[in-house]
Protein backbone atom coordinates (compact mmCIF):
# COMPACT_ATOMS: atom_id res chain seq x y z
CA MET A 1 -5.05 -12.23 54.90
CA ARG A 2 -3.70 -9.30 52.84
CA PRO A 3 0.00 -9.78 53.89
CA LEU A 4 -0.28 -13.50 53.13
CA PHE A 5 -1.89 -12.78 49.70
CA SER A 6 0.86 -10.28 48.86
CA ALA A 7 3.53 -12.77 49.82
CA ILE A 8 1.95 -15.44 47.60
CA CYS A 9 1.78 -13.01 44.64
CA ALA A 10 5.41 -12.00 45.12
CA ALA A 11 6.47 -15.66 45.20
CA VAL A 12 4.54 -16.41 41.99
CA VAL A 13 5.99 -13.40 40.15
CA SER A 14 9.49 -14.29 41.36
CA SER A 15 9.13 -17.87 40.14
CA VAL A 16 7.80 -16.72 36.74
CA PHE A 17 10.74 -14.37 36.23
CA ALA A 18 13.14 -17.07 37.37
CA ALA A 19 11.74 -19.35 34.68
CA HIS A 20 12.09 -16.59 32.09
CA ALA A 21 15.65 -15.91 33.17
CA GLU A 22 16.61 -19.43 32.16
CA GLN A 23 15.33 -18.93 28.62
CA ALA A 24 17.69 -18.11 25.78
CA ASN A 25 15.44 -15.34 24.45
CA GLY A 26 15.30 -13.26 27.64
CA PHE A 27 17.81 -10.61 28.78
CA ALA A 28 18.18 -6.99 29.82
CA VAL A 29 20.38 -4.20 28.50
CA ARG A 30 21.18 -1.79 31.31
CA ASN A 31 22.04 1.91 31.19
CA VAL A 32 22.04 2.10 27.40
CA ARG A 33 21.24 4.93 25.03
CA VAL A 34 18.11 3.95 23.07
CA PHE A 35 16.84 5.10 19.71
CA ASP A 36 13.30 3.76 19.89
CA GLY A 37 12.40 4.27 16.23
CA GLU A 38 11.09 7.79 16.79
CA LYS A 39 13.34 9.49 19.34
CA THR A 40 16.43 9.03 21.48
CA ILE A 41 16.27 8.12 25.16
CA ALA A 42 19.54 9.19 26.79
CA ARG A 43 19.63 6.32 29.28
CA ALA A 44 17.35 3.37 29.81
CA ASN A 45 17.05 -0.24 30.82
CA VAL A 46 15.46 -2.49 28.20
CA VAL A 47 14.01 -5.76 29.46
CA VAL A 48 13.22 -8.71 27.16
CA VAL A 49 11.24 -11.78 28.22
CA ASP A 50 10.18 -14.64 25.92
CA GLY A 51 11.38 -12.80 22.84
CA ARG A 52 9.38 -9.63 23.49
CA ILE A 53 10.29 -6.30 25.00
CA VAL A 54 8.43 -5.95 28.30
CA SER A 55 9.73 -2.60 29.57
CA VAL A 56 11.86 0.36 28.48
CA GLY A 57 12.89 3.28 30.65
CA PRO A 58 15.47 4.80 32.98
CA ASP A 59 13.91 3.05 35.97
CA ALA A 60 12.68 -0.13 34.28
CA ALA A 61 13.09 -2.92 36.83
CA ILE A 62 15.33 -5.83 35.87
CA PRO A 63 14.05 -9.09 37.36
CA ALA A 64 16.48 -11.02 39.53
CA GLY A 65 18.33 -13.71 37.63
CA LEU A 66 17.78 -12.22 34.17
CA ARG A 67 20.94 -12.07 32.06
CA ILE A 68 22.22 -8.47 32.03
CA ILE A 69 24.25 -6.75 29.32
CA GLY A 70 25.92 -3.46 30.14
CA GLY A 71 25.06 -0.71 27.68
CA ALA A 72 27.29 2.15 28.79
CA GLY A 73 28.75 3.95 25.77
CA GLU A 74 26.52 2.02 23.37
CA THR A 75 23.21 2.55 21.58
CA LEU A 76 20.32 0.12 21.27
CA LEU A 77 18.28 0.35 18.06
CA PRO A 78 15.31 -1.49 16.60
CA GLY A 79 16.32 -4.14 14.10
CA LEU A 80 16.68 -2.35 10.77
CA ILE A 81 14.18 -2.69 7.92
CA ASP A 82 15.35 -2.64 4.29
CA SER A 83 12.36 -1.49 2.26
CA HIS A 84 13.62 -2.63 -1.15
CA VAL A 85 15.47 -5.88 -1.80
CA HIS A 86 15.32 -8.94 -4.04
CA VAL A 87 15.72 -12.16 -2.10
CA PHE A 88 17.64 -15.26 -3.13
CA PRO A 89 18.89 -18.28 -1.15
CA GLY A 90 21.08 -17.04 1.70
CA ALA A 91 20.06 -13.40 1.35
CA GLN A 92 18.04 -13.20 4.56
CA LYS A 93 20.95 -14.72 6.53
CA ASP A 94 23.33 -12.16 5.04
CA ALA A 95 20.94 -9.38 6.01
CA LEU A 96 20.56 -10.51 9.61
CA ARG A 97 24.31 -10.50 10.33
CA PHE A 98 24.28 -6.75 9.73
CA GLY A 99 21.29 -5.99 11.94
CA VAL A 100 18.67 -5.97 9.17
CA THR A 101 15.95 -8.06 10.78
CA THR A 102 13.21 -7.40 8.21
CA GLU A 103 13.37 -7.18 4.41
CA LEU A 104 10.69 -6.05 1.96
CA ASP A 105 11.17 -7.94 -1.29
CA MET A 106 10.16 -6.13 -4.47
CA PHE A 107 10.32 -8.98 -7.03
CA ASP A 108 11.42 -12.57 -6.63
CA MET A 109 10.94 -15.92 -8.27
CA ALA A 110 11.05 -17.99 -5.06
CA ARG A 111 7.60 -16.98 -3.82
CA GLU A 112 8.00 -18.85 -0.53
CA PHE A 113 5.01 -17.03 0.90
CA PRO A 114 3.85 -19.69 3.42
CA LYS A 115 7.36 -20.04 4.87
CA TRP A 116 7.92 -16.30 5.11
CA LYS A 117 4.53 -15.58 6.65
CA ALA A 118 4.94 -18.33 9.25
CA GLN A 119 8.40 -17.07 10.20
CA ARG A 120 7.42 -13.45 10.66
CA GLU A 121 4.47 -14.43 12.87
CA SER A 122 6.66 -16.67 15.04
CA LEU A 123 8.99 -15.86 17.91
CA ALA A 124 11.07 -18.99 17.30
CA LYS A 125 14.83 -18.87 16.89
CA THR A 126 15.87 -18.14 13.31
CA ASP A 127 19.02 -17.14 11.45
CA GLU A 128 17.12 -15.20 8.77
CA ALA A 129 15.56 -11.77 8.48
CA ASP A 130 11.78 -11.80 8.18
CA THR A 131 10.39 -11.19 4.69
CA TRP A 132 7.40 -9.44 3.16
CA ALA A 133 7.20 -9.86 -0.60
CA ALA A 134 5.64 -8.76 -3.85
CA GLY A 135 6.52 -12.04 -5.49
CA LEU A 136 6.16 -11.56 -9.24
CA GLY A 137 5.95 -7.96 -10.36
CA VAL A 138 3.79 -6.85 -13.26
CA THR A 139 5.49 -6.34 -16.60
CA VAL A 140 4.98 -7.08 -20.29
CA LYS A 141 6.60 -9.59 -22.62
CA GLY A 142 10.21 -8.58 -23.13
CA GLY A 143 9.93 -5.82 -20.55
CA ALA A 144 11.91 -5.03 -17.40
CA PRO A 145 13.16 -6.83 -15.38
CA ILE A 146 12.91 -9.96 -17.56
CA GLN A 147 14.07 -8.47 -20.86
CA SER A 148 17.21 -10.61 -20.97
CA ALA A 149 15.63 -13.83 -19.75
CA PRO A 150 16.14 -16.97 -21.86
CA PRO A 151 13.22 -18.09 -24.06
CA ASP A 152 12.29 -20.93 -21.71
CA PHE A 153 12.06 -18.58 -18.71
CA LYS A 154 8.37 -18.72 -17.90
CA VAL A 155 7.05 -15.67 -16.07
CA PRO A 156 3.42 -14.49 -16.25
CA VAL A 157 3.16 -11.14 -18.02
CA LEU A 158 0.28 -8.76 -18.57
CA GLU A 159 -1.20 -9.17 -22.05
CA SER A 160 -3.71 -6.31 -22.04
CA GLU A 161 -5.46 -3.69 -19.94
CA ALA A 162 -8.52 -5.95 -19.83
CA GLY A 163 -6.46 -8.61 -18.06
CA ALA A 164 -5.25 -6.35 -15.23
CA LYS A 165 -7.77 -7.48 -12.60
CA ALA A 166 -7.22 -11.19 -13.27
CA PHE A 167 -3.44 -10.72 -13.18
CA VAL A 168 -3.55 -8.92 -9.83
CA ASP A 169 -6.04 -11.41 -8.40
CA ALA A 170 -3.65 -14.23 -9.29
CA ARG A 171 -0.77 -12.53 -7.46
CA VAL A 172 -2.94 -11.98 -4.39
CA ALA A 173 -4.05 -15.62 -4.48
CA GLU A 174 -0.39 -16.67 -4.53
CA GLY A 175 0.25 -14.63 -1.39
CA SER A 176 1.74 -11.32 -2.53
CA ASP A 177 1.77 -8.79 0.31
CA TYR A 178 1.67 -5.85 -2.14
CA ILE A 179 1.81 -5.40 -5.91
CA LYS A 180 4.97 -4.29 -7.73
CA ILE A 181 4.50 -2.65 -11.16
CA PHE A 182 7.23 -1.93 -13.70
CA ILE A 183 7.24 1.18 -15.92
CA GLU A 184 10.58 1.02 -17.70
CA ASN A 185 11.62 1.71 -21.30
CA LEU A 186 15.34 2.34 -20.59
CA SER A 187 15.04 5.95 -21.80
CA GLU A 188 17.19 7.21 -18.93
CA TYR A 189 20.00 4.84 -19.93
CA HIS A 190 19.90 4.58 -23.72
CA SER A 191 18.62 7.29 -26.01
CA SER A 192 18.69 4.90 -28.97
CA ARG A 193 17.34 1.74 -27.28
CA SER A 194 13.93 1.04 -25.85
CA LEU A 195 12.02 -1.70 -24.06
CA PRO A 196 8.36 -2.56 -24.28
CA THR A 197 6.58 -1.41 -21.16
CA LEU A 198 3.11 -1.08 -19.67
CA THR A 199 0.80 1.50 -21.17
CA ARG A 200 -0.65 4.25 -19.05
CA GLY A 201 -4.06 2.56 -19.24
CA GLU A 202 -2.58 -0.72 -18.03
CA VAL A 203 -0.80 0.97 -15.12
CA CYS A 204 -3.99 2.71 -13.99
CA ALA A 205 -6.00 -0.51 -14.33
CA LEU A 206 -3.44 -2.48 -12.29
CA ILE A 207 -3.42 0.05 -9.48
CA LYS A 208 -7.22 0.12 -9.41
CA ALA A 209 -7.32 -3.68 -9.26
CA ALA A 210 -4.76 -3.87 -6.45
CA HIS A 211 -6.67 -1.35 -4.37
CA GLU A 212 -9.88 -3.29 -4.92
CA ASP A 213 -8.04 -6.32 -3.51
CA GLY A 214 -6.85 -4.30 -0.52
CA LYS A 215 -3.21 -4.25 -1.61
CA MET A 216 -0.76 -1.36 -1.90
CA THR A 217 1.11 -0.73 -5.14
CA ILE A 218 4.76 0.15 -5.51
CA VAL A 219 5.89 1.26 -8.96
CA HIS A 220 9.35 0.79 -10.42
CA ALA A 221 9.92 4.13 -12.14
CA GLN A 222 13.53 5.14 -12.76
CA ALA A 223 12.65 8.15 -14.91
CA GLU A 224 10.70 11.28 -14.02
CA TRP A 225 8.03 10.70 -16.67
CA ALA A 226 7.37 7.19 -15.35
CA ALA A 227 7.17 8.40 -11.74
CA ARG A 228 4.69 11.09 -12.74
CA GLU A 229 2.57 8.56 -14.63
CA ALA A 230 2.52 6.23 -11.62
CA ILE A 231 1.43 9.03 -9.28
CA ASP A 232 -1.24 10.22 -11.71
CA CYS A 233 -2.63 6.66 -11.78
CA GLY A 234 -2.86 6.58 -7.98
CA THR A 235 0.10 4.49 -6.82
CA ASP A 236 0.85 4.28 -3.12
CA GLY A 237 4.60 4.46 -3.54
CA LEU A 238 7.61 4.56 -5.83
CA ALA A 239 10.33 1.92 -5.69
CA HIS A 240 13.16 4.33 -6.51
CA ILE A 241 14.33 7.91 -6.42
CA PHE A 242 14.57 8.61 -10.15
CA PRO A 243 18.08 9.70 -11.26
CA ASP A 244 17.55 10.85 -14.85
CA LYS A 245 16.92 14.49 -13.94
CA ILE A 246 16.48 16.82 -10.99
CA ALA A 247 12.84 16.99 -10.04
CA GLY A 248 11.06 20.27 -10.59
CA ALA A 249 8.93 22.03 -8.01
CA ASP A 250 5.77 20.79 -9.76
CA PHE A 251 6.79 17.15 -9.33
CA ILE A 252 7.66 17.66 -5.67
CA ALA A 253 4.29 19.33 -5.10
CA LEU A 254 2.52 16.47 -6.88
CA ALA A 255 4.26 13.81 -4.78
CA LYS A 256 3.38 15.65 -1.59
CA ALA A 257 -0.23 16.31 -2.57
CA ARG A 258 -0.84 12.65 -3.49
CA HIS A 259 0.67 11.40 -0.20
CA ILE A 260 2.96 8.86 -1.81
CA PHE A 261 6.04 7.30 -0.24
CA VAL A 262 9.36 6.62 -1.96
CA GLU A 263 11.89 3.82 -1.44
CA THR A 264 15.20 5.53 -2.10
CA THR A 265 17.82 3.01 -3.42
CA ASP A 266 20.44 5.75 -3.57
CA ALA A 267 23.23 3.22 -2.99
CA VAL A 268 22.45 1.76 -6.42
CA TRP A 269 22.74 5.18 -8.04
CA ALA A 270 26.08 5.74 -6.29
CA GLY A 271 27.37 2.56 -7.88
CA ALA A 272 25.83 3.36 -11.24
CA SER A 273 27.63 6.72 -11.18
CA GLY A 274 31.00 5.03 -10.70
CA LEU A 275 31.49 6.15 -7.08
CA ASP A 276 33.53 3.93 -4.77
CA LEU A 277 31.23 4.00 -1.73
CA ALA A 278 30.60 0.25 -1.94
CA GLN A 279 34.30 -0.55 -2.23
CA LYS A 280 35.07 1.55 0.83
CA LEU A 281 32.25 -0.15 2.71
CA ALA A 282 33.61 -3.61 1.84
CA ALA A 283 37.07 -2.59 3.08
CA ASP A 284 35.79 -1.18 6.40
CA ALA A 285 37.23 -3.19 9.31
CA ARG A 286 33.76 -3.28 10.87
CA VAL A 287 32.36 -4.91 7.74
CA ALA A 288 34.94 -7.08 5.99
CA PRO A 289 35.11 -9.99 8.51
CA TYR A 290 31.35 -10.56 8.32
CA LEU A 291 30.79 -10.58 4.55
CA SER A 292 29.76 -13.74 2.78
CA GLY A 293 31.07 -14.57 -0.66
CA ALA A 294 27.76 -13.54 -2.17
CA GLN A 295 27.90 -10.17 -0.41
CA LYS A 296 31.44 -9.53 -1.64
CA ASP A 297 30.48 -10.43 -5.21
CA THR A 298 27.54 -8.05 -5.43
CA LEU A 299 29.02 -5.28 -3.31
CA LEU A 300 32.13 -5.14 -5.47
CA GLY A 301 30.20 -5.57 -8.71
CA ALA A 302 29.87 -2.61 -11.03
CA ASP A 303 27.55 -1.45 -13.76
CA LYS A 304 29.11 -1.85 -17.19
CA LYS A 305 28.65 1.81 -18.05
CA ALA A 306 28.79 4.52 -15.43
CA VAL A 307 26.41 7.47 -15.70
CA PRO A 308 28.08 10.15 -13.56
CA GLU A 309 25.01 12.37 -13.21
CA PHE A 310 22.80 9.69 -11.69
CA PHE A 311 23.98 10.03 -8.10
CA PRO A 312 24.02 13.86 -7.94
CA ASN A 313 20.51 13.89 -9.42
CA ALA A 314 19.26 11.21 -7.04
CA LEU A 315 20.83 12.98 -4.05
CA ALA A 316 19.22 16.30 -5.02
CA ASN A 317 15.84 14.57 -5.42
CA THR A 318 16.24 12.82 -2.08
CA ARG A 319 16.95 16.16 -0.43
CA ALA A 320 14.05 17.96 -2.11
CA LEU A 321 11.47 15.27 -1.36
CA HIS A 322 12.62 15.08 2.25
CA GLU A 323 12.44 18.85 2.70
CA ALA A 324 8.90 18.74 1.28
CA GLY A 325 7.86 16.13 3.83
CA VAL A 326 7.40 13.21 1.42
CA PRO A 327 8.02 9.97 3.38
CA LEU A 328 11.28 8.36 2.23
CA LEU A 329 11.99 4.76 3.20
CA ALA A 330 15.54 3.43 3.27
CA GLY A 331 15.89 0.73 0.63
CA THR A 332 18.92 -0.65 -1.16
CA ASP A 333 17.72 -2.68 -4.17
CA ALA A 334 20.20 -5.37 -3.11
CA PRO A 335 21.72 -7.41 -4.71
CA ASN A 336 22.11 -5.08 -7.70
CA PRO A 337 25.69 -4.04 -8.58
CA ALA A 338 27.46 -2.15 -5.75
CA THR A 339 24.97 -3.37 -3.14
CA ALA A 340 24.63 -6.36 -0.83
CA HIS A 341 21.94 -7.56 1.53
CA GLY A 342 22.24 -6.14 5.03
CA VAL A 343 25.41 -4.14 4.77
CA SER A 344 24.27 -1.71 2.07
CA LEU A 345 21.45 -0.40 4.25
CA HIS A 346 24.14 1.18 6.43
CA GLU A 347 25.51 2.96 3.34
CA GLU A 348 21.99 4.10 2.46
CA LEU A 349 21.67 5.70 5.90
CA GLN A 350 24.95 7.54 5.40
CA ILE A 351 23.67 8.85 2.07
CA PHE A 352 20.50 10.06 3.79
CA VAL A 353 22.58 12.19 6.11
CA GLN A 354 24.53 13.49 3.13
CA ALA A 355 21.16 14.49 1.65
CA GLY A 356 20.29 16.60 4.69
CA PHE A 357 18.58 14.16 7.06
CA THR A 358 19.53 14.29 10.70
CA PRO A 359 20.91 10.93 11.88
CA GLU A 360 17.68 10.36 13.84
CA GLU A 361 15.60 11.03 10.71
CA ALA A 362 17.74 8.57 8.76
CA LEU A 363 17.31 5.88 11.42
CA HIS A 364 13.56 6.54 11.48
CA ALA A 365 13.49 5.80 7.72
CA ALA A 366 14.86 2.30 8.39
CA THR A 367 12.82 1.46 11.50
CA ALA A 368 9.50 2.97 12.56
CA LEU A 369 8.59 4.57 9.22
CA PRO A 370 8.50 1.39 7.09
CA ASP A 371 6.68 -0.35 9.95
CA GLU A 372 4.04 2.38 9.76
CA VAL A 373 3.80 2.56 5.96
CA PHE A 374 3.64 -1.21 5.37
CA HIS A 375 1.64 -2.02 8.52
CA LEU A 376 4.22 -4.59 9.60
CA GLY A 377 3.14 -4.79 13.22
CA ASP A 378 5.38 -5.53 16.18
CA ARG A 379 8.73 -4.28 14.87
CA GLY A 380 10.59 -1.11 13.95
CA HIS A 381 10.49 0.18 17.54
CA VAL A 382 12.03 -0.39 20.94
CA ARG A 383 8.86 -0.41 23.02
CA ALA A 384 6.97 -2.69 25.34
CA GLY A 385 5.03 -5.37 23.50
CA ASP A 386 7.17 -5.46 20.36
CA ARG A 387 9.31 -8.42 19.38
CA ALA A 388 12.93 -8.18 20.46
CA ASP A 389 14.51 -7.58 17.06
CA LEU A 390 17.35 -5.41 18.30
CA LEU A 391 20.73 -4.01 17.28
CA LEU A 392 23.35 -2.91 19.82
CA VAL A 393 26.17 -0.73 18.49
CA ALA A 394 29.18 0.98 20.01
CA GLY A 395 29.02 4.77 19.93
CA ASP A 396 26.10 7.00 19.05
CA PRO A 397 24.59 6.75 15.56
CA THR A 398 22.05 9.44 16.52
CA THR A 399 24.92 11.89 16.16
CA ASN A 400 27.35 9.92 13.93
CA ILE A 401 25.39 7.72 11.53
CA SER A 402 28.46 5.64 10.65
CA ASP A 403 28.30 4.13 14.14
CA THR A 404 25.54 1.79 12.93
CA LEU A 405 28.40 -0.28 11.51
CA SER A 406 30.03 -0.68 14.93
CA ILE A 407 27.83 -3.66 15.71
CA ASP A 408 28.24 -5.28 19.10
CA ARG A 409 25.23 -7.63 19.09
CA VAL A 410 22.14 -8.48 17.07
CA TRP A 411 19.03 -10.20 18.42
CA LYS A 412 16.19 -11.76 16.43
CA ASN A 413 13.07 -12.63 18.44
CA GLY A 414 15.19 -12.16 21.55
CA TYR A 415 17.78 -14.76 20.50
CA PRO A 416 21.39 -13.68 19.90
CA VAL A 417 22.45 -13.84 16.25
CA ASP A 418 25.67 -15.60 15.26
CA ARG A 419 27.45 -13.07 13.04
CA SER A 420 29.93 -15.57 11.60
CA PRO A 421 29.73 -15.51 7.79
CA PRO A 422 29.19 -18.80 5.98
CA LYS A 423 32.35 -20.62 5.01
CA PRO A 424 33.29 -20.72 1.32
CA GLN A 425 31.79 -23.81 -0.26
CA ALA A 426 35.18 -25.42 -0.85
CA ASP A 427 36.09 -25.04 2.83
CA ALA A 428 32.73 -26.07 4.29
CA ARG A 429 32.88 -29.22 6.42
């Protein structure tokens, strides 16, 4: 009976794999270098069935009939995660074309929480990056980022410290995945101009309320004093590396002792300093054919007044925090001037290496680390059981980080992504 039972099992397994092989979201990449989110595997087979990775390893068996892609000379990466963006219509499509399969929004007016949550829990075919979102951030009347909004622009604002819990509860009820808080008086930009901003008491009350609701807080603090205030009040993370000054040893020690994380957004500070990194990125032959009109507009945009010291300060702070062991997550703040969804994350990784990260450490900051910090689940890694959000590039970005731009293929939920940019509106048919 045993030989007959074994034969039956083999036939069943063979038929199951044959069925999988016919599906559009199943394939194998053979003999490919793999960065799995944590480390590099010199050579492996990666097998995907029904949109999920089922095996990874040098001897991983490839079922008969499964579509095979040769990986010699290439590197397979987890789909990238941009930990700081602001979404708008078309943004998630722009991101996906450049291998960014997940975006963490840090303030938006769309608040399409049901749609975004359903998409990121599904393995269906999609042409958009998955989205986690803060929705509306917490600010005051006339404060950042709504200081220039027209009078009829209706956004809830915090009126008092006593209203902090109700304000946070309302954001959670809407569907916010975490709470974004703004501490901004423009002091790092304009010595003679100021904005109204949250008081220290309000910041502390908001953070307390968010934690009571089981939500993390991320604080927009673009000046050292604001970052220190946020940490003192118990924030989980900072939305930016501050560029107004070089952090002292006491600040670095405070950040490390309080176990915060920081979303870097150094690409923004490069643009704000008047550097041409974004222009060079837009002209790169690996980039230019895949840019949408929206990406070109924001990537080639520029701040009205350059502040040359911003980028050197931000770079020094990135280096110091990294050397101290403070977790730094790669984020771009797209679509602010000199950034664009998707493509600017590759620039951010290059800046990380400039700041002293190894290429593997930089890749970790855009894959497994944000998955861990934000508890995203089945992404950020190339490992059995995770969804097949994958990026295949020519070359070896674990030694030359610029190779992340040499994109061969992108998969979302195991389905190949069409990298063709949208046609200009006038030419669309």
